Structures are given as structure tokens and as C-alpha cells.
């Protein structure tokens, strides 16, 4: 597992969200849940499958990287 990522704890009752531009037919995206201890991420195709947990500082660094063009999203 990569540094900074760890399996998420029990997320029963978490409010999962996906991008507003997500394809509602294919259900091919990630979903996030904002929590007190950070951000959880899961695959929308497998909502009962594995989830990852990130601290807020890790999530903020990821978002800043995406906004700054650090990741190739093609």
C-alpha cells in the first residue's frame, strides 16, 4: 500500500458523493465521503468493496496537485 493511504475504518452512515459530471449510466467513478478524521474514497462500481482513507492534509495535497496539473487525468 502506498504511503499515506490506509484501509478505511467502519464507514456505516457515511454520506458518499461523486462528481456532478459523473456518468450516471456507467457508474464509473470514485466517490468520496468527508469525515471528521479525513476523506474516504471508494469505487462507485463496488460500493461494498475496499475503501481508502486520507487525512485532510493528504487530500488537500492531492486536490492541489490535480488543480496544478501534476496528474495526467486523460
PDB file of N, CA and C in Angstrom:
ATOM      1  N   UNK A   1       0.855  -1.178   0.000  1.00  0.00           N
ATOM      2  CA  UNK A   1       0.000   0.000   0.000  1.00  0.00           C
ATOM      3  C   UNK A   1       0.898   1.237   0.000  1.00  0.00           C
ATOM      4  N   UNK A   2       0.515   2.246  -0.735  1.00  0.00           N
ATOM      5  CA  UNK A   2       1.304   3.475  -0.807  1.00  0.00           C
ATOM      6  C   UNK A   2       1.319   4.214   0.517  1.00  0.00           C
ATOM      7  N   UNK A   3       2.390   4.952   0.757  1.00  0.00           N
ATOM      8  CA  UNK A   3       2.470   5.774   1.956  1.00  0.00           C
ATOM      9  C   UNK A   3       1.342   6.792   1.936  1.00  0.00           C
ATOM     10  N   UNK A   4       0.710   6.993   3.075  1.00  0.00           N
ATOM     11  CA  UNK A   4      -0.361   7.967   3.155  1.00  0.00           C
ATOM     12  C   UNK A   4      -1.742   7.385   2.938  1.00  0.00           C
ATOM     13  N   UNK A   5      -1.825   6.170   2.415  1.00  0.00           N
ATOM     14  CA  UNK A   5      -3.127   5.548   2.221  1.00  0.00           C
ATOM     15  C   UNK A   5      -3.259   4.394   3.203  1.00  0.00           C
ATOM     16  N   UNK A   6      -4.431   4.226   3.748  1.00  0.00           N
ATOM     17  CA  UNK A   6      -4.685   3.098   4.627  1.00  0.00           C
ATOM     18  C   UNK A   6      -6.132   2.678   4.435  1.00  0.00           C
ATOM     19  N   UNK A   7      -6.436   1.400   4.714  1.00  0.00           N
ATOM     20  CA  UNK A   7      -7.836   0.989   4.590  1.00  0.00           C
ATOM     21  C   UNK A   7      -8.715   1.829   5.511  1.00  0.00           C
ATOM     22  N   UNK A   8      -9.898   2.139   5.052  1.00  0.00           N
ATOM     23  CA  UNK A   8     -10.809   2.963   5.843  1.00  0.00           C
ATOM     24  C   UNK A   8     -11.436   2.155   6.966  1.00  0.00           C
ATOM     25  N   UNK A   9     -11.739   2.828   8.055  1.00  0.00           N
ATOM     26  CA  UNK A   9     -12.446   2.219   9.170  1.00  0.00           C
ATOM     27  C   UNK A   9     -13.913   2.024   8.793  1.00  0.00           C
ATOM     28  N   UNK A  10     -14.721   1.600   9.751  1.00  0.00           N
ATOM     29  CA  UNK A  10     -16.149   1.422   9.524  1.00  0.00           C
ATOM     30  C   UNK A  10     -16.759   2.739   9.049  1.00  0.00           C
ATOM     31  N   UNK A  11     -17.381   2.710   7.889  1.00  0.00           N
ATOM     32  CA  UNK A  11     -17.940   3.932   7.295  1.00  0.00           C
ATOM     33  C   UNK A  11     -19.460   3.853   7.175  1.00  0.00           C
ATOM     34  N   UNK A  12     -20.078   3.047   8.038  1.00  0.00           N
ATOM     35  CA  UNK A  12     -21.531   2.951   8.045  1.00  0.00           C
ATOM     36  C   UNK A  12     -22.127   4.338   8.266  1.00  0.00           C
ATOM     37  N   UNK A  13     -23.036   4.720   7.414  1.00  0.00           N
ATOM     38  CA  UNK A  13     -23.695   6.016   7.543  1.00  0.00           C
ATOM     39  C   UNK A  13     -22.952   7.170   6.890  1.00  0.00           C
ATOM     40  N   UNK A  14     -21.823   6.899   6.255  1.00  0.00           N
ATOM     41  CA  UNK A  14     -21.082   7.969   5.574  1.00  0.00           C
ATOM     42  C   UNK A  14     -21.905   8.491   4.394  1.00  0.00           C
ATOM     43  N   UNK A  15     -21.839   9.790   4.156  1.00  0.00           N
ATOM     44  CA  UNK A  15     -22.545  10.412   3.028  1.00  0.00           C
ATOM     45  C   UNK A  15     -21.602  10.460   1.835  1.00  0.00           C
ATOM     46  N   UNK A  16     -21.778   9.533   0.904  1.00  0.00           N
ATOM     47  CA  UNK A  16     -20.911   9.434  -0.263  1.00  0.00           C
ATOM     48  C   UNK A  16     -21.382  10.377  -1.357  1.00  0.00           C
ATOM     49  N   UNK A  17     -20.406  11.030  -2.040  1.00  0.00           N
ATOM     50  CA  UNK A  17     -20.698  11.945  -3.146  1.00  0.00           C
ATOM     51  C   UNK A  17     -19.811  11.607  -4.323  1.00  0.00           C
ATOM     52  N   UNK A  18     -20.323  11.880  -5.518  1.00  0.00           N
ATOM     53  CA  UNK A  18     -19.481  11.766  -6.704  1.00  0.00           C
ATOM     54  C   UNK A  18     -19.625  13.033  -7.523  1.00  0.00           C
ATOM     55  N   UNK A  19     -18.761  13.203  -8.484  1.00  0.00           N
ATOM     56  CA  UNK A  19     -18.736  14.422  -9.277  1.00  0.00           C
ATOM     57  C   UNK A  19     -20.067  14.644  -9.980  1.00  0.00           C
ATOM     58  N   UNK A  20     -20.475  15.895 -10.078  1.00  0.00           N
ATOM     59  CA  UNK A  20     -21.731  16.220 -10.751  1.00  0.00           C
ATOM     60  C   UNK A  20     -21.677  15.886 -12.240  1.00  0.00           C
ATOM     61  N   UNK A  21     -20.492  15.810 -12.802  1.00  0.00           N
ATOM     62  CA  UNK A  21     -20.347  15.467 -14.223  1.00  0.00           C
ATOM     63  C   UNK A  21     -20.165  13.970 -14.432  1.00  0.00           C
ATOM     64  N   UNK A  22     -20.304  13.205 -13.389  1.00  0.00           N
ATOM     65  CA  UNK A  22     -20.147  11.761 -13.476  1.00  0.00           C
ATOM     66  C   UNK A  22     -21.231  11.157 -14.358  1.00  0.00           C
ATOM     67  N   UNK A  23     -20.872  10.115 -15.078  1.00  0.00           N
ATOM     68  CA  UNK A  23     -21.813   9.405 -15.935  1.00  0.00           C
ATOM     69  C   UNK A  23     -22.736   8.562 -15.055  1.00  0.00           C
ATOM     70  N   UNK A  24     -24.007   8.897 -15.015  1.00  0.00           N
ATOM     71  CA  UNK A  24     -24.944   8.173 -14.158  1.00  0.00           C
ATOM     72  C   UNK A  24     -25.302   6.802 -14.716  1.00  0.00           C
ATOM     73  N   UNK A  25     -25.034   6.553 -15.997  1.00  0.00           N
ATOM     74  CA  UNK A  25     -25.359   5.265 -16.605  1.00  0.00           C
ATOM     75  C   UNK A  25     -24.264   4.251 -16.325  1.00  0.00           C
ATOM     76  N   UNK A  26     -23.012   4.619 -16.579  1.00  0.00           N
ATOM     77  CA  UNK A  26     -21.907   3.689 -16.442  1.00  0.00           C
ATOM     78  C   UNK A  26     -21.426   3.478 -15.024  1.00  0.00           C
ATOM     79  N   UNK A  27     -21.743   4.414 -14.144  1.00  0.00           N
ATOM     80  CA  UNK A  27     -21.341   4.308 -12.740  1.00  0.00           C
ATOM     81  C   UNK A  27     -19.837   4.058 -12.621  1.00  0.00           C
ATOM     82  N   UNK A  28     -19.046   4.780 -13.419  1.00  0.00           N
ATOM     83  CA  UNK A  28     -17.606   4.574 -13.452  1.00  0.00           C
ATOM     84  C   UNK A  28     -16.882   5.788 -12.900  1.00  0.00           C
ATOM     85  N   UNK A  29     -16.836   5.884 -11.603  1.00  0.00           N
ATOM     86  CA  UNK A  29     -16.132   6.990 -10.991  1.00  0.00           C
ATOM     87  C   UNK A  29     -15.788   6.622  -9.557  1.00  0.00           C
ATOM     88  N   UNK A  30     -15.129   7.513  -8.907  1.00  0.00           N
ATOM     89  CA  UNK A  30     -14.879   7.336  -7.479  1.00  0.00           C
ATOM     90  C   UNK A  30     -15.872   8.196  -6.714  1.00  0.00           C
ATOM     91  N   UNK A  31     -16.132   7.792  -5.496  1.00  0.00           N
ATOM     92  CA  UNK A  31     -16.991   8.560  -4.608  1.00  0.00           C
ATOM     93  C   UNK A  31     -16.186   8.921  -3.377  1.00  0.00           C
ATOM     94  N   UNK A  32     -16.481  10.064  -2.783  1.00  0.00           N
ATOM     95  CA  UNK A  32     -15.775  10.499  -1.579  1.00  0.00           C
ATOM     96  C   UNK A  32     -16.781  10.775  -0.471  1.00  0.00           C
ATOM     97  N   UNK A  33     -16.313  10.592   0.748  1.00  0.00           N
ATOM     98  CA  UNK A  33     -17.114  10.918   1.928  1.00  0.00           C
ATOM     99  C   UNK A  33     -16.238  11.755   2.848  1.00  0.00           C
ATOM    100  N   UNK A  34     -16.712  12.939   3.195  1.00  0.00           N
ATOM    101  CA  UNK A  34     -15.989  13.807   4.122  1.00  0.00           C
ATOM    102  C   UNK A  34     -16.319  13.379   5.543  1.00  0.00           C
ATOM    103  N   UNK A  35     -15.293  13.144   6.335  1.00  0.00           N
ATOM    104  CA  UNK A  35     -15.447  12.671   7.707  1.00  0.00           C
ATOM    105  C   UNK A  35     -14.657  13.557   8.651  1.00  0.00           C
ATOM    106  N   UNK A  36     -14.902  13.415   9.925  1.00  0.00           N
ATOM    107  CA  UNK A  36     -14.127  14.205  10.898  1.00  0.00           C
ATOM    108  C   UNK A  36     -12.640  13.904  10.801  1.00  0.00           C
ATOM    109  N   UNK A  37     -12.300  12.646  10.606  1.00  0.00           N
ATOM    110  CA  UNK A  37     -10.890  12.259  10.584  1.00  0.00           C
ATOM    111  C   UNK A  37     -10.238  12.362   9.209  1.00  0.00           C
ATOM    112  N   UNK A  38     -10.983  12.764   8.184  1.00  0.00           N
ATOM    113  CA  UNK A  38     -10.394  12.915   6.863  1.00  0.00           C
ATOM    114  C   UNK A  38     -11.388  12.655   5.758  1.00  0.00           C
ATOM    115  N   UNK A  39     -10.912  12.040   4.669  1.00  0.00           N
ATOM    116  CA  UNK A  39     -11.728  11.774   3.487  1.00  0.00           C
ATOM    117  C   UNK A  39     -11.595  10.300   3.127  1.00  0.00           C
ATOM    118  N   UNK A  40     -12.722   9.647   2.909  1.00  0.00           N
ATOM    119  CA  UNK A  40     -12.736   8.264   2.451  1.00  0.00           C
ATOM    120  C   UNK A  40     -13.043   8.254   0.960  1.00  0.00           C
ATOM    121  N   UNK A  41     -12.472   7.288   0.243  1.00  0.00           N
ATOM    122  CA  UNK A  41     -12.645   7.178  -1.204  1.00  0.00           C
ATOM    123  C   UNK A  41     -13.010   5.729  -1.534  1.00  0.00           C
ATOM    124  N   UNK A  42     -13.980   5.557  -2.445  1.00  0.00           N
ATOM    125  CA  UNK A  42     -14.344   4.208  -2.885  1.00  0.00           C
ATOM    126  C   UNK A  42     -14.686   4.225  -4.369  1.00  0.00           C
ATOM    127  N   UNK A  43     -14.699   3.052  -4.978  1.00  0.00           N
ATOM    128  CA  UNK A  43     -15.065   2.867  -6.384  1.00  0.00           C
ATOM    129  C   UNK A  43     -16.581   2.759  -6.469  1.00  0.00           C
ATOM    130  N   UNK A  44     -17.212   3.587  -7.284  1.00  0.00           N
ATOM    131  CA  UNK A  44     -18.674   3.571  -7.375  1.00  0.00           C
ATOM    132  C   UNK A  44     -19.209   2.262  -7.943  1.00  0.00           C
ATOM    133  N   UNK A  45     -18.392   1.517  -8.709  1.00  0.00           N
ATOM    134  CA  UNK A  45     -18.832   0.239  -9.253  1.00  0.00           C
ATOM    135  C   UNK A  45     -18.901  -0.836  -8.176  1.00  0.00           C
ATOM    136  N   UNK A  46     -18.208  -0.620  -7.059  1.00  0.00           N
ATOM    137  CA  UNK A  46     -18.133  -1.622  -5.991  1.00  0.00           C
ATOM    138  C   UNK A  46     -18.268  -0.928  -4.633  1.00  0.00           C
ATOM    139  N   UNK A  47     -19.447  -0.378  -4.332  1.00  0.00           N
ATOM    140  CA  UNK A  47     -19.598   0.402  -3.104  1.00  0.00           C
ATOM    141  C   UNK A  47     -19.369  -0.387  -1.824  1.00  0.00           C
ATOM    142  N   UNK A  48     -19.489  -1.703  -1.876  1.00  0.00           N
ATOM    143  CA  UNK A  48     -19.226  -2.521  -0.690  1.00  0.00           C
ATOM    144  C   UNK A  48     -17.781  -2.997  -0.638  1.00  0.00           C
ATOM    145  N   UNK A  49     -17.011  -2.680  -1.667  1.00  0.00           N
ATOM    146  CA  UNK A  49     -15.625  -3.120  -1.754  1.00  0.00           C
ATOM    147  C   UNK A  49     -14.697  -2.276  -0.891  1.00  0.00           C
ATOM    148  N   UNK A  50     -13.402  -2.377  -1.154  1.00  0.00           N
ATOM    149  CA  UNK A  50     -12.414  -1.658  -0.342  1.00  0.00           C
ATOM    150  C   UNK A  50     -12.556  -0.146  -0.455  1.00  0.00           C
ATOM    151  N   UNK A  51     -12.181   0.514   0.607  1.00  0.00           N
ATOM    152  CA  UNK A  51     -12.195   1.975   0.671  1.00  0.00           C
ATOM    153  C   UNK A  51     -10.853   2.440   1.205  1.00  0.00           C
ATOM    154  N   UNK A  52     -10.443   3.611   0.797  1.00  0.00           N
ATOM    155  CA  UNK A  52      -9.195   4.194   1.290  1.00  0.00           C
ATOM    156  C   UNK A  52      -9.523   5.422   2.119  1.00  0.00           C
ATOM    157  N   UNK A  53      -8.668   5.707   3.082  1.00  0.00           N
ATOM    158  CA  UNK A  53      -8.853   6.847   3.974  1.00  0.00           C
ATOM    159  C   UNK A  53      -7.638   7.756   3.856  1.00  0.00           C
ATOM    160  N   UNK A  54      -7.883   9.050   3.733  1.00  0.00           N
ATOM    161  CA  UNK A  54      -6.820  10.046   3.647  1.00  0.00           C
ATOM    162  C   UNK A  54      -7.046  11.104   4.717  1.00  0.00           C
ATOM    163  N   UNK A  55      -5.969  11.616   5.286  1.00  0.00           N
ATOM    164  CA  UNK A  55      -6.108  12.741   6.203  1.00  0.00           C
ATOM    165  C   UNK A  55      -6.480  13.963   5.382  1.00  0.00           C
ATOM    166  N   UNK A  56      -6.955  15.004   6.038  1.00  0.00           N
ATOM    167  CA  UNK A  56      -7.315  16.221   5.301  1.00  0.00           C
ATOM    168  C   UNK A  56      -6.095  16.822   4.610  1.00  0.00           C
ATOM    169  N   UNK A  57      -4.931  16.786   5.245  1.00  0.00           N
ATOM    170  CA  UNK A  57      -3.741  17.355   4.606  1.00  0.00           C
ATOM    171  C   UNK A  57      -3.344  16.539   3.374  1.00  0.00           C
ATOM    172  N   UNK A  58      -3.475  15.220   3.424  1.00  0.00           N
ATOM    173  CA  UNK A  58      -3.192  14.392   2.248  1.00  0.00           C
ATOM    174  C   UNK A  58      -4.183  14.693   1.127  1.00  0.00           C
ATOM    175  N   UNK A  59      -5.460  14.812   1.473  1.00  0.00           N
ATOM    176  CA  UNK A  59      -6.496  15.108   0.474  1.00  0.00           C
ATOM    177  C   UNK A  59      -6.264  16.478  -0.146  1.00  0.00           C
ATOM    178  N   UNK A  60      -5.967  17.477   0.690  1.00  0.00           N
ATOM    179  CA  UNK A  60      -5.703  18.825   0.175  1.00  0.00           C
ATOM    180  C   UNK A  60      -4.514  18.830  -0.781  1.00  0.00           C
ATOM    181  N   UNK A  61      -3.470  18.066  -0.456  1.00  0.00           N
ATOM    182  CA  UNK A  61      -2.300  17.982  -1.333  1.00  0.00           C
ATOM    183  C   UNK A  61      -2.682  17.349  -2.670  1.00  0.00           C
ATOM    184  N   UNK A  62      -3.517  16.315  -2.637  1.00  0.00           N
ATOM    185  CA  UNK A  62      -3.985  15.678  -3.871  1.00  0.00           C
ATOM    186  C   UNK A  62      -4.790  16.661  -4.727  1.00  0.00           C
ATOM    187  N   UNK A  63      -5.745  17.340  -4.115  1.00  0.00           N
ATOM    188  CA  UNK A  63      -6.586  18.304  -4.847  1.00  0.00           C
ATOM    189  C   UNK A  63      -5.730  19.423  -5.429  1.00  0.00           C
ATOM    190  N   UNK A  64      -4.793  19.948  -4.645  1.00  0.00           N
ATOM    191  CA  UNK A  64      -3.898  20.991  -5.157  1.00  0.00           C
ATOM    192  C   UNK A  64      -3.081  20.478  -6.332  1.00  0.00           C
ATOM    193  N   UNK A  65      -2.626  19.216  -6.268  1.00  0.00           N
ATOM    194  CA  UNK A  65      -1.869  18.624  -7.369  1.00  0.00           C
ATOM    195  C   UNK A  65      -2.694  18.506  -8.628  1.00  0.00           C
ATOM    196  N   UNK A  66      -3.947  18.082  -8.487  1.00  0.00           N
ATOM    197  CA  UNK A  66      -4.834  17.976  -9.655  1.00  0.00           C
ATOM    198  C   UNK A  66      -5.067  19.354 -10.254  1.00  0.00           C
ATOM    199  N   UNK A  67      -5.381  20.325  -9.421  1.00  0.00           N
ATOM    200  CA  UNK A  67      -5.622  21.687  -9.916  1.00  0.00           C
ATOM    201  C   UNK A  67      -4.380  22.269 -10.575  1.00  0.00           C
ATOM    202  N   UNK A  68      -3.198  21.903 -10.084  1.00  0.00           N
ATOM    203  CA  UNK A  68      -1.947  22.427 -10.621  1.00  0.00           C
ATOM    204  C   UNK A  68      -1.413  21.652 -11.813  1.00  0.00           C
ATOM    205  N   UNK A  69      -2.147  20.619 -12.262  1.00  0.00           N
ATOM    206  CA  UNK A  69      -1.719  19.860 -13.436  1.00  0.00           C
ATOM    207  C   UNK A  69      -0.673  18.816 -13.145  1.00  0.00           C
ATOM    208  N   UNK A  70      -0.511  18.445 -11.886  1.00  0.00           N
ATOM    209  CA  UNK A  70       0.506  17.451 -11.509  1.00  0.00           C
ATOM    210  C   UNK A  70       0.166  16.054 -12.005  1.00  0.00           C
ATOM    211  N   UNK A  71      -1.110  15.761 -12.225  1.00  0.00           N
ATOM    212  CA  UNK A  71      -1.553  14.430 -12.628  1.00  0.00           C
ATOM    213  C   UNK A  71      -2.111  14.476 -14.028  1.00  0.00           C
ATOM    214  N   UNK A  72      -1.816  13.449 -14.822  1.00  0.00           N
ATOM    215  CA  UNK A  72      -2.388  13.322 -16.160  1.00  0.00           C
ATOM    216  C   UNK A  72      -3.711  12.584 -16.006  1.00  0.00           C
ATOM    217  N   UNK A  73      -4.833  13.270 -16.186  1.00  0.00           N
ATOM    218  CA  UNK A  73      -6.152  12.684 -15.988  1.00  0.00           C
ATOM    219  C   UNK A  73      -6.787  12.219 -17.281  1.00  0.00           C
ATOM    220  N   UNK A  74      -5.998  12.070 -18.334  1.00  0.00           N
ATOM    221  CA  UNK A  74      -6.576  11.629 -19.618  1.00  0.00           C
ATOM    222  C   UNK A  74      -6.762  10.143 -19.667  1.00  0.00           C
TER     223      UNK A  74
END
